[in-house]
N, C-alpha and C. Protein backbone atom coordinates (compact mmCIF):
# COMPACT_ATOMS: atom_id res chain seq x y z
N MET A 1 0.84 -1.19 0.00
CA MET A 1 0.00 0.00 0.00
C MET A 1 0.88 1.24 0.00
N LYS A 2 0.47 2.20 -0.78
CA LYS A 2 1.16 3.50 -0.82
C LYS A 2 0.12 4.60 -0.85
N CYS A 3 -0.76 4.57 0.12
CA CYS A 3 -1.89 5.50 0.16
C CYS A 3 -1.45 6.96 0.22
N ALA A 4 -0.32 7.24 0.85
CA ALA A 4 0.12 8.63 1.01
C ALA A 4 0.39 9.30 -0.33
N THR A 5 0.77 8.52 -1.34
CA THR A 5 1.06 9.11 -2.65
C THR A 5 -0.06 8.90 -3.66
N CYS A 6 -1.16 8.31 -3.24
CA CYS A 6 -2.32 8.11 -4.12
C CYS A 6 -2.98 9.47 -4.37
N GLN A 7 -3.23 9.80 -5.62
CA GLN A 7 -3.84 11.09 -5.96
C GLN A 7 -5.37 11.06 -5.87
N GLU A 8 -5.97 9.89 -6.04
CA GLU A 8 -7.43 9.81 -6.10
C GLU A 8 -8.10 9.65 -4.73
N LYS A 9 -7.52 8.84 -3.87
CA LYS A 9 -8.11 8.53 -2.55
C LYS A 9 -9.57 8.10 -2.70
N GLU A 10 -9.82 7.18 -3.62
CA GLU A 10 -11.18 6.70 -3.89
C GLU A 10 -11.78 5.92 -2.73
N CYS A 11 -10.95 5.56 -1.76
CA CYS A 11 -11.47 4.86 -0.58
C CYS A 11 -12.52 5.71 0.12
N ARG A 12 -12.37 7.03 0.07
CA ARG A 12 -13.36 7.91 0.72
C ARG A 12 -14.73 7.82 0.04
N ASN A 13 -14.75 7.26 -1.16
CA ASN A 13 -16.01 7.06 -1.89
C ASN A 13 -16.48 5.61 -1.85
N GLY A 14 -15.81 4.79 -1.03
CA GLY A 14 -16.24 3.41 -0.84
C GLY A 14 -15.46 2.36 -1.61
N LYS A 15 -14.44 2.73 -2.34
CA LYS A 15 -13.65 1.76 -3.10
C LYS A 15 -12.69 1.03 -2.16
N ASP A 16 -12.62 -0.31 -2.31
CA ASP A 16 -11.69 -1.12 -1.52
C ASP A 16 -10.48 -1.46 -2.38
N CYS A 17 -9.49 -0.59 -2.37
CA CYS A 17 -8.26 -0.81 -3.15
C CYS A 17 -7.43 -1.96 -2.59
N SER A 18 -7.57 -2.22 -1.30
CA SER A 18 -6.73 -3.21 -0.63
C SER A 18 -7.22 -4.63 -0.82
N GLY A 19 -8.52 -4.79 -1.03
CA GLY A 19 -9.08 -6.12 -1.17
C GLY A 19 -9.24 -6.86 0.15
N VAL A 20 -9.13 -6.18 1.26
CA VAL A 20 -9.24 -6.85 2.56
C VAL A 20 -10.44 -6.38 3.38
N ALA A 21 -11.30 -5.56 2.81
CA ALA A 21 -12.44 -5.01 3.57
C ALA A 21 -13.27 -6.12 4.21
N GLU A 22 -13.47 -7.20 3.52
CA GLU A 22 -14.28 -8.30 4.04
C GLU A 22 -13.59 -9.04 5.19
N ASP A 23 -12.28 -8.89 5.30
CA ASP A 23 -11.52 -9.58 6.35
C ASP A 23 -11.45 -8.79 7.65
N ILE A 24 -11.84 -7.52 7.62
CA ILE A 24 -11.73 -6.65 8.79
C ILE A 24 -13.10 -6.52 9.45
N GLU A 25 -13.18 -6.87 10.73
CA GLU A 25 -14.43 -6.75 11.49
C GLU A 25 -14.15 -6.03 12.80
N TYR A 26 -15.05 -5.17 13.19
CA TYR A 26 -14.96 -4.49 14.48
C TYR A 26 -16.02 -5.07 15.40
N THR A 27 -15.58 -5.57 16.55
CA THR A 27 -16.48 -6.14 17.54
C THR A 27 -16.03 -5.70 18.93
N GLY A 28 -16.87 -5.93 19.91
CA GLY A 28 -16.50 -5.69 21.31
C GLY A 28 -16.05 -4.27 21.56
N GLU A 29 -14.94 -4.14 22.31
CA GLU A 29 -14.43 -2.82 22.68
C GLU A 29 -13.97 -2.03 21.45
N ASP A 30 -13.47 -2.73 20.42
CA ASP A 30 -13.07 -2.02 19.20
C ASP A 30 -14.28 -1.36 18.54
N LEU A 31 -15.40 -2.07 18.49
CA LEU A 31 -16.62 -1.49 17.91
C LEU A 31 -17.12 -0.33 18.77
N ASP A 32 -17.09 -0.51 20.09
CA ASP A 32 -17.49 0.59 20.98
C ASP A 32 -16.64 1.83 20.71
N CYS A 33 -15.35 1.62 20.59
CA CYS A 33 -14.41 2.72 20.34
C CYS A 33 -14.72 3.40 19.01
N MET A 34 -14.98 2.62 17.98
CA MET A 34 -15.33 3.17 16.67
C MET A 34 -16.61 3.99 16.74
N GLN A 35 -17.60 3.48 17.46
CA GLN A 35 -18.88 4.18 17.56
C GLN A 35 -18.74 5.50 18.32
N VAL A 36 -18.00 5.48 19.42
CA VAL A 36 -17.81 6.70 20.20
C VAL A 36 -16.99 7.72 19.40
N ALA A 37 -15.93 7.26 18.73
CA ALA A 37 -15.11 8.16 17.92
C ALA A 37 -15.95 8.81 16.82
N ALA A 38 -16.80 8.02 16.17
CA ALA A 38 -17.66 8.57 15.10
C ALA A 38 -18.67 9.56 15.66
N ALA A 39 -19.21 9.26 16.83
CA ALA A 39 -20.19 10.17 17.45
C ALA A 39 -19.53 11.51 17.80
N ILE A 40 -18.33 11.46 18.34
CA ILE A 40 -17.63 12.71 18.68
C ILE A 40 -17.32 13.51 17.42
N GLU A 41 -16.83 12.82 16.39
CA GLU A 41 -16.54 13.51 15.13
C GLU A 41 -17.82 14.09 14.53
N GLY A 42 -18.88 13.29 14.51
CA GLY A 42 -20.14 13.73 13.91
C GLY A 42 -20.80 14.89 14.64
N GLN A 43 -20.72 14.88 15.95
CA GLN A 43 -21.41 15.89 16.75
C GLN A 43 -20.56 17.13 17.04
N HIS A 44 -19.25 17.00 16.95
CA HIS A 44 -18.38 18.10 17.39
C HIS A 44 -17.29 18.44 16.37
N TYR A 45 -17.50 18.13 15.12
CA TYR A 45 -16.48 18.31 14.09
C TYR A 45 -15.97 19.76 14.06
N MET A 46 -14.68 19.92 14.25
CA MET A 46 -14.00 21.22 14.24
C MET A 46 -14.53 22.18 15.31
N GLN A 47 -15.07 21.64 16.40
CA GLN A 47 -15.59 22.47 17.48
C GLN A 47 -14.89 22.23 18.81
N LYS A 48 -14.24 21.09 18.95
CA LYS A 48 -13.61 20.72 20.23
C LYS A 48 -12.11 20.55 20.05
N THR A 49 -11.37 20.92 21.09
CA THR A 49 -9.93 20.66 21.10
C THR A 49 -9.70 19.17 21.34
N ARG A 50 -8.48 18.74 21.13
CA ARG A 50 -8.13 17.35 21.39
C ARG A 50 -8.39 16.99 22.86
N LEU A 51 -8.09 17.89 23.77
CA LEU A 51 -8.33 17.64 25.19
C LEU A 51 -9.82 17.49 25.47
N GLU A 52 -10.64 18.35 24.88
CA GLU A 52 -12.09 18.23 25.06
C GLU A 52 -12.61 16.92 24.46
N GLU A 53 -12.07 16.54 23.30
CA GLU A 53 -12.47 15.27 22.69
C GLU A 53 -12.06 14.09 23.58
N LEU A 54 -10.90 14.18 24.18
CA LEU A 54 -10.44 13.13 25.09
C LEU A 54 -11.41 12.95 26.25
N ILE A 55 -11.85 14.05 26.83
CA ILE A 55 -12.80 13.99 27.95
C ILE A 55 -14.12 13.37 27.49
N LEU A 56 -14.63 13.82 26.36
CA LEU A 56 -15.87 13.25 25.82
C LEU A 56 -15.72 11.76 25.55
N PHE A 57 -14.60 11.39 24.93
CA PHE A 57 -14.36 9.99 24.59
C PHE A 57 -14.33 9.12 25.84
N ALA A 58 -13.56 9.53 26.83
CA ALA A 58 -13.43 8.74 28.07
C ALA A 58 -14.78 8.60 28.77
N LYS A 59 -15.55 9.68 28.81
CA LYS A 59 -16.88 9.62 29.43
C LYS A 59 -17.78 8.66 28.68
N GLN A 60 -17.83 8.79 27.35
CA GLN A 60 -18.74 7.96 26.56
C GLN A 60 -18.32 6.50 26.54
N MET A 61 -17.03 6.23 26.74
CA MET A 61 -16.57 4.84 26.84
C MET A 61 -16.81 4.28 28.23
N GLY A 62 -17.20 5.13 29.16
CA GLY A 62 -17.46 4.68 30.52
C GLY A 62 -16.22 4.52 31.37
N TYR A 63 -15.11 5.10 30.93
CA TYR A 63 -13.87 5.01 31.70
C TYR A 63 -13.97 5.90 32.94
N GLN A 64 -13.45 5.39 34.04
CA GLN A 64 -13.42 6.16 35.28
C GLN A 64 -12.00 6.44 35.75
N LYS A 65 -11.07 5.51 35.45
CA LYS A 65 -9.68 5.65 35.88
C LYS A 65 -8.79 5.94 34.67
N LEU A 66 -8.17 7.12 34.68
CA LEU A 66 -7.27 7.50 33.60
C LEU A 66 -5.84 7.57 34.12
N GLY A 67 -4.91 7.18 33.27
CA GLY A 67 -3.49 7.28 33.60
C GLY A 67 -2.80 8.26 32.68
N ILE A 68 -1.83 8.97 33.23
CA ILE A 68 -1.02 9.89 32.44
C ILE A 68 0.43 9.48 32.58
N ALA A 69 1.06 9.16 31.45
CA ALA A 69 2.49 8.88 31.41
C ALA A 69 3.14 10.12 30.80
N PHE A 70 3.92 10.84 31.60
CA PHE A 70 4.43 12.12 31.11
C PHE A 70 5.94 12.24 31.22
N CYS A 71 6.47 13.10 30.36
CA CYS A 71 7.88 13.47 30.39
C CYS A 71 8.09 14.50 31.48
N ILE A 72 9.18 14.40 32.20
CA ILE A 72 9.47 15.35 33.27
C ILE A 72 9.55 16.78 32.74
N GLY A 73 9.93 16.93 31.48
CA GLY A 73 9.99 18.25 30.86
C GLY A 73 8.62 18.87 30.63
N LEU A 74 7.57 18.07 30.73
CA LEU A 74 6.21 18.56 30.60
C LEU A 74 5.43 18.35 31.90
N ALA A 75 6.13 18.44 33.01
CA ALA A 75 5.50 18.24 34.32
C ALA A 75 4.41 19.27 34.59
N ASN A 76 4.64 20.52 34.22
CA ASN A 76 3.61 21.55 34.43
C ASN A 76 2.37 21.26 33.59
N GLU A 77 2.59 20.87 32.34
CA GLU A 77 1.46 20.53 31.48
C GLU A 77 0.70 19.33 32.03
N ALA A 78 1.43 18.32 32.50
CA ALA A 78 0.79 17.13 33.08
C ALA A 78 -0.03 17.50 34.31
N ALA A 79 0.49 18.42 35.13
CA ALA A 79 -0.24 18.86 36.32
C ALA A 79 -1.53 19.58 35.93
N THR A 80 -1.46 20.42 34.92
CA THR A 80 -2.65 21.14 34.46
C THR A 80 -3.68 20.17 33.87
N ILE A 81 -3.21 19.23 33.07
CA ILE A 81 -4.11 18.23 32.49
C ILE A 81 -4.77 17.41 33.60
N THR A 82 -3.99 17.05 34.61
CA THR A 82 -4.53 16.30 35.74
C THR A 82 -5.63 17.09 36.45
N ARG A 83 -5.38 18.38 36.69
CA ARG A 83 -6.39 19.22 37.35
C ARG A 83 -7.69 19.27 36.54
N ILE A 84 -7.57 19.32 35.23
CA ILE A 84 -8.75 19.35 34.36
C ILE A 84 -9.48 18.00 34.41
N LEU A 85 -8.73 16.92 34.24
CA LEU A 85 -9.34 15.58 34.18
C LEU A 85 -9.92 15.15 35.52
N LYS A 86 -9.33 15.62 36.64
CA LYS A 86 -9.81 15.23 37.97
C LYS A 86 -11.25 15.68 38.23
N LYS A 87 -11.75 16.60 37.45
CA LYS A 87 -13.13 17.04 37.61
C LYS A 87 -14.12 15.94 37.26
N ASP A 88 -13.69 15.01 36.41
CA ASP A 88 -14.59 13.96 35.93
C ASP A 88 -14.08 12.54 36.14
N PHE A 89 -12.78 12.39 36.45
CA PHE A 89 -12.19 11.05 36.50
C PHE A 89 -11.26 10.90 37.69
N GLU A 90 -10.95 9.64 38.00
CA GLU A 90 -9.88 9.32 38.94
C GLU A 90 -8.61 9.28 38.09
N VAL A 91 -7.63 10.11 38.42
CA VAL A 91 -6.46 10.27 37.56
C VAL A 91 -5.19 9.87 38.30
N TYR A 92 -4.38 9.05 37.63
CA TYR A 92 -3.07 8.65 38.14
C TYR A 92 -2.03 9.11 37.13
N SER A 93 -0.89 9.56 37.62
CA SER A 93 0.16 10.02 36.71
C SER A 93 1.50 9.45 37.14
N VAL A 94 2.33 9.16 36.14
CA VAL A 94 3.66 8.61 36.40
C VAL A 94 4.67 9.37 35.54
N CYS A 95 5.67 9.93 36.19
CA CYS A 95 6.75 10.67 35.54
C CYS A 95 7.71 9.70 34.84
N CYS A 96 8.30 10.14 33.76
CA CYS A 96 9.20 9.29 32.99
C CYS A 96 10.42 8.82 33.79
N LYS A 97 10.85 9.58 34.77
CA LYS A 97 12.06 9.24 35.53
C LYS A 97 11.77 8.34 36.73
N VAL A 98 10.56 7.80 36.81
CA VAL A 98 10.15 6.95 37.92
C VAL A 98 11.18 5.84 38.14
N CYS A 99 11.47 5.56 39.37
CA CYS A 99 12.43 4.54 39.83
C CYS A 99 13.87 5.05 39.85
N GLY A 100 14.15 6.18 39.22
CA GLY A 100 15.49 6.78 39.29
C GLY A 100 16.61 5.89 38.81
N ILE A 101 16.43 5.19 37.70
CA ILE A 101 17.42 4.24 37.20
C ILE A 101 18.55 4.97 36.47
N PRO A 102 19.80 4.80 36.92
CA PRO A 102 20.92 5.46 36.24
C PRO A 102 21.09 4.93 34.81
N LYS A 103 21.45 5.81 33.90
CA LYS A 103 21.66 5.40 32.50
C LYS A 103 22.75 4.35 32.38
N GLU A 104 23.70 4.35 33.31
CA GLU A 104 24.79 3.37 33.27
C GLU A 104 24.28 1.94 33.35
N LYS A 105 23.16 1.73 34.01
CA LYS A 105 22.64 0.37 34.17
C LYS A 105 22.44 -0.32 32.82
N TYR A 106 22.03 0.44 31.81
CA TYR A 106 21.78 -0.13 30.48
C TYR A 106 22.76 0.39 29.44
N GLU A 107 23.83 1.01 29.89
CA GLU A 107 24.86 1.57 29.00
C GLU A 107 24.24 2.51 27.97
N LEU A 108 23.38 3.42 28.45
CA LEU A 108 22.70 4.37 27.57
C LEU A 108 23.52 5.64 27.41
N GLU A 109 23.47 6.19 26.22
CA GLU A 109 24.18 7.44 25.95
C GLU A 109 23.60 8.57 26.79
N LYS A 110 24.48 9.45 27.23
CA LYS A 110 24.06 10.58 28.05
C LYS A 110 24.07 11.88 27.24
N ILE A 111 23.30 12.85 27.69
CA ILE A 111 23.34 14.19 27.11
C ILE A 111 24.64 14.86 27.53
N HIS A 112 24.98 14.72 28.81
CA HIS A 112 26.22 15.27 29.39
C HIS A 112 27.00 14.11 30.01
N PRO A 113 27.94 13.53 29.27
CA PRO A 113 28.64 12.32 29.74
C PRO A 113 29.29 12.45 31.11
N GLU A 114 29.69 13.65 31.49
CA GLU A 114 30.39 13.83 32.77
C GLU A 114 29.44 13.90 33.96
N LYS A 115 28.13 13.95 33.71
CA LYS A 115 27.16 14.10 34.79
C LYS A 115 26.34 12.83 35.00
N PHE A 116 25.78 12.74 36.21
CA PHE A 116 24.84 11.65 36.52
C PHE A 116 23.52 11.92 35.80
N GLU A 117 23.00 10.92 35.11
CA GLU A 117 21.71 11.06 34.43
C GLU A 117 20.87 9.82 34.69
N VAL A 118 19.59 10.05 34.87
CA VAL A 118 18.62 8.98 35.08
C VAL A 118 17.92 8.71 33.75
N THR A 119 17.70 7.45 33.46
CA THR A 119 17.00 7.10 32.23
C THR A 119 15.49 7.24 32.39
N CYS A 120 14.83 7.46 31.29
CA CYS A 120 13.37 7.38 31.30
C CYS A 120 13.00 5.91 31.48
N ASN A 121 11.81 5.66 31.98
CA ASN A 121 11.40 4.30 32.32
C ASN A 121 9.97 4.04 31.83
N PRO A 122 9.77 3.99 30.51
CA PRO A 122 8.41 3.81 29.99
C PRO A 122 7.77 2.48 30.39
N LYS A 123 8.57 1.45 30.51
CA LYS A 123 8.03 0.16 30.94
C LYS A 123 7.55 0.26 32.38
N GLY A 124 8.30 0.97 33.21
CA GLY A 124 7.90 1.20 34.59
C GLY A 124 6.63 2.03 34.68
N GLN A 125 6.51 3.04 33.81
CA GLN A 125 5.29 3.85 33.79
C GLN A 125 4.08 2.97 33.49
N ALA A 126 4.20 2.11 32.48
CA ALA A 126 3.09 1.21 32.11
C ALA A 126 2.77 0.26 33.26
N PHE A 127 3.81 -0.28 33.90
CA PHE A 127 3.62 -1.21 35.01
C PHE A 127 2.87 -0.55 36.16
N LEU A 128 3.29 0.66 36.53
CA LEU A 128 2.67 1.34 37.67
C LEU A 128 1.22 1.74 37.37
N LEU A 129 0.94 2.15 36.14
CA LEU A 129 -0.45 2.49 35.80
C LEU A 129 -1.31 1.23 35.75
N ALA A 130 -0.74 0.10 35.34
CA ALA A 130 -1.48 -1.17 35.36
C ALA A 130 -1.84 -1.56 36.79
N LYS A 131 -0.93 -1.29 37.73
CA LYS A 131 -1.22 -1.59 39.14
C LYS A 131 -2.41 -0.78 39.65
N LYS A 132 -2.63 0.39 39.07
CA LYS A 132 -3.77 1.23 39.45
C LYS A 132 -5.01 0.89 38.63
N GLN A 133 -4.88 -0.07 37.73
CA GLN A 133 -5.98 -0.55 36.89
C GLN A 133 -6.64 0.58 36.10
N THR A 134 -5.79 1.41 35.50
CA THR A 134 -6.32 2.48 34.66
C THR A 134 -7.02 1.87 33.45
N GLU A 135 -8.01 2.58 32.95
CA GLU A 135 -8.80 2.09 31.82
C GLU A 135 -8.41 2.76 30.50
N LEU A 136 -7.73 3.88 30.59
CA LEU A 136 -7.20 4.58 29.42
C LEU A 136 -5.95 5.31 29.87
N ASN A 137 -4.87 5.15 29.11
CA ASN A 137 -3.62 5.84 29.43
C ASN A 137 -3.33 6.90 28.39
N ILE A 138 -2.82 8.03 28.86
CA ILE A 138 -2.60 9.20 28.02
C ILE A 138 -1.11 9.54 28.03
N ILE A 139 -0.52 9.61 26.85
CA ILE A 139 0.88 10.01 26.73
C ILE A 139 0.96 11.53 26.65
N VAL A 140 1.82 12.09 27.48
CA VAL A 140 2.09 13.53 27.48
C VAL A 140 3.59 13.71 27.29
N GLY A 141 4.01 13.83 26.04
CA GLY A 141 5.38 14.20 25.71
C GLY A 141 6.46 13.17 25.96
N LEU A 142 6.16 11.89 25.89
CA LEU A 142 7.22 10.89 26.05
C LEU A 142 8.18 10.97 24.86
N CYS A 143 9.43 10.63 25.10
CA CYS A 143 10.45 10.67 24.05
C CYS A 143 10.13 9.69 22.92
N MET A 144 10.66 10.00 21.75
CA MET A 144 10.57 9.07 20.63
C MET A 144 11.19 7.74 21.05
N GLY A 145 10.51 6.68 20.85
CA GLY A 145 10.97 5.35 21.27
C GLY A 145 10.38 4.96 22.62
N HIS A 146 10.43 5.87 23.57
CA HIS A 146 9.84 5.59 24.88
C HIS A 146 8.32 5.51 24.76
N ASP A 147 7.74 6.32 23.86
CA ASP A 147 6.30 6.23 23.62
C ASP A 147 5.92 4.86 23.06
N ILE A 148 6.79 4.31 22.23
CA ILE A 148 6.54 2.99 21.64
C ILE A 148 6.60 1.91 22.73
N ILE A 149 7.62 1.98 23.57
CA ILE A 149 7.75 0.99 24.65
C ILE A 149 6.56 1.10 25.61
N PHE A 150 6.19 2.32 25.97
CA PHE A 150 5.04 2.50 26.87
C PHE A 150 3.78 1.89 26.26
N THR A 151 3.52 2.19 25.01
CA THR A 151 2.32 1.68 24.34
C THR A 151 2.34 0.15 24.28
N ARG A 152 3.50 -0.41 23.98
CA ARG A 152 3.64 -1.87 23.89
C ARG A 152 3.33 -2.55 25.22
N HIS A 153 3.71 -1.92 26.33
CA HIS A 153 3.57 -2.56 27.64
C HIS A 153 2.35 -2.10 28.43
N SER A 154 1.62 -1.14 27.93
CA SER A 154 0.42 -0.67 28.64
C SER A 154 -0.68 -1.72 28.57
N GLU A 155 -1.28 -2.01 29.70
CA GLU A 155 -2.41 -2.94 29.71
C GLU A 155 -3.69 -2.26 29.25
N ALA A 156 -3.78 -0.95 29.44
CA ALA A 156 -4.95 -0.18 29.02
C ALA A 156 -4.69 0.39 27.62
N PRO A 157 -5.75 0.72 26.89
CA PRO A 157 -5.55 1.41 25.61
C PRO A 157 -4.82 2.73 25.84
N VAL A 158 -4.11 3.19 24.81
CA VAL A 158 -3.28 4.39 24.91
C VAL A 158 -3.67 5.40 23.85
N THR A 159 -3.72 6.67 24.25
CA THR A 159 -3.85 7.77 23.30
C THR A 159 -2.76 8.79 23.62
N THR A 160 -2.42 9.58 22.63
CA THR A 160 -1.40 10.60 22.82
C THR A 160 -2.06 11.97 22.81
N LEU A 161 -1.82 12.74 23.85
CA LEU A 161 -2.35 14.10 23.91
C LEU A 161 -1.30 15.11 23.45
N ILE A 162 -0.06 14.92 23.88
CA ILE A 162 1.03 15.81 23.46
C ILE A 162 2.18 14.96 22.94
N VAL A 163 2.63 15.28 21.73
CA VAL A 163 3.79 14.61 21.14
C VAL A 163 5.00 15.51 21.37
N LYS A 164 6.06 14.95 21.91
CA LYS A 164 7.25 15.75 22.20
C LYS A 164 7.93 16.20 20.91
N ASP A 165 8.20 17.48 20.84
CA ASP A 165 9.06 18.06 19.81
C ASP A 165 9.73 19.27 20.46
N ARG A 166 10.95 19.07 20.88
CA ARG A 166 11.66 20.10 21.64
C ARG A 166 11.96 21.35 20.80
N VAL A 167 11.99 21.21 19.49
CA VAL A 167 12.31 22.33 18.61
C VAL A 167 11.06 23.13 18.25
N LEU A 168 9.95 22.45 18.03
CA LEU A 168 8.74 23.09 17.51
C LEU A 168 7.62 23.18 18.53
N ALA A 169 7.96 23.44 19.79
CA ALA A 169 6.95 23.64 20.84
C ALA A 169 5.93 22.50 20.89
N HIS A 170 6.43 21.28 20.77
CA HIS A 170 5.60 20.06 20.83
C HIS A 170 4.52 20.04 19.75
N ASN A 171 4.90 20.52 18.58
CA ASN A 171 4.02 20.50 17.41
C ASN A 171 4.80 19.91 16.24
N PRO A 172 4.98 18.58 16.21
CA PRO A 172 5.80 17.99 15.16
C PRO A 172 5.29 18.24 13.75
N ALA A 173 4.00 18.49 13.59
CA ALA A 173 3.48 18.78 12.26
C ALA A 173 4.04 20.09 11.71
N GLY A 174 4.52 20.96 12.60
CA GLY A 174 5.11 22.21 12.16
C GLY A 174 6.25 22.01 11.17
N ALA A 175 6.96 20.91 11.27
CA ALA A 175 8.08 20.64 10.36
C ALA A 175 7.62 20.45 8.92
N ILE A 176 6.42 19.94 8.73
CA ILE A 176 5.94 19.74 7.36
C ILE A 176 5.14 20.94 6.85
N TYR A 177 4.79 21.85 7.74
CA TYR A 177 4.10 23.08 7.32
C TYR A 177 5.08 24.21 7.05
N SER A 178 6.32 24.03 7.40
CA SER A 178 7.33 25.07 7.25
C SER A 178 8.11 24.86 5.95
N GLY A 179 8.04 25.85 5.07
CA GLY A 179 8.80 25.77 3.83
C GLY A 179 10.29 25.64 4.09
N TYR A 180 10.78 26.32 5.13
CA TYR A 180 12.19 26.24 5.48
C TYR A 180 12.58 24.80 5.80
N TYR A 181 11.83 24.16 6.66
CA TYR A 181 12.16 22.78 7.03
C TYR A 181 12.07 21.85 5.83
N LEU A 182 11.05 22.03 5.02
CA LEU A 182 10.90 21.16 3.85
C LEU A 182 12.09 21.30 2.90
N ARG A 183 12.52 22.54 2.66
CA ARG A 183 13.64 22.77 1.73
C ARG A 183 14.99 22.47 2.36
N LYS A 184 15.26 23.03 3.52
CA LYS A 184 16.60 22.97 4.10
C LYS A 184 16.90 21.68 4.85
N LYS A 185 15.95 21.20 5.60
CA LYS A 185 16.19 20.01 6.42
C LYS A 185 15.86 18.71 5.68
N PHE A 186 14.78 18.74 4.89
CA PHE A 186 14.32 17.50 4.25
C PHE A 186 14.57 17.47 2.75
N LYS A 187 15.14 18.56 2.21
CA LYS A 187 15.51 18.63 0.79
C LYS A 187 14.33 18.38 -0.14
N LEU A 188 13.17 18.92 0.21
CA LEU A 188 11.99 18.82 -0.65
C LEU A 188 11.69 20.19 -1.24
N GLU A 189 11.26 20.20 -2.47
CA GLU A 189 10.84 21.45 -3.11
C GLU A 189 9.32 21.46 -3.18
N ASP A 190 8.76 22.67 -3.16
CA ASP A 190 7.30 22.80 -3.20
C ASP A 190 6.77 22.14 -4.40
């Protein structure tokens, strides 16, 4: 499949280019998720922020316990998100540096080799949120790769509220909207 370079996108008109439509079925929690997502899109299209949609989604799915796995660099944002979500949910949060594991333990590269540095612990974040029996986990700015590990080990479904991008104010899409980045960094012409 190379959908990104397809000019027609006839799938939006009902065409099955892949030939697997009959093999895909949504049941159980997946079907519930699809129905709630469609209802939010249908009723609130271009009217709600991602955070507002997250609240609506969690409520409509019947979730009561939410987990937040956050980067220490976004601790203030995680605290604000927690204050907002606590109005409707039981919220647990786990910082990326949980357990204080030195980078030396896994021979990880340091930002400042001469200094003590603690590694992020996405597997630990997932483990601790599972102990709290969270029903939906929310990523807030986990590092590239750590988000993958967290998602792989999370017992609850995972959504991302903030994607870390230290250069573009946590807006990674900015790199593809910027002519400068497209030309200079990625060597693409308009």
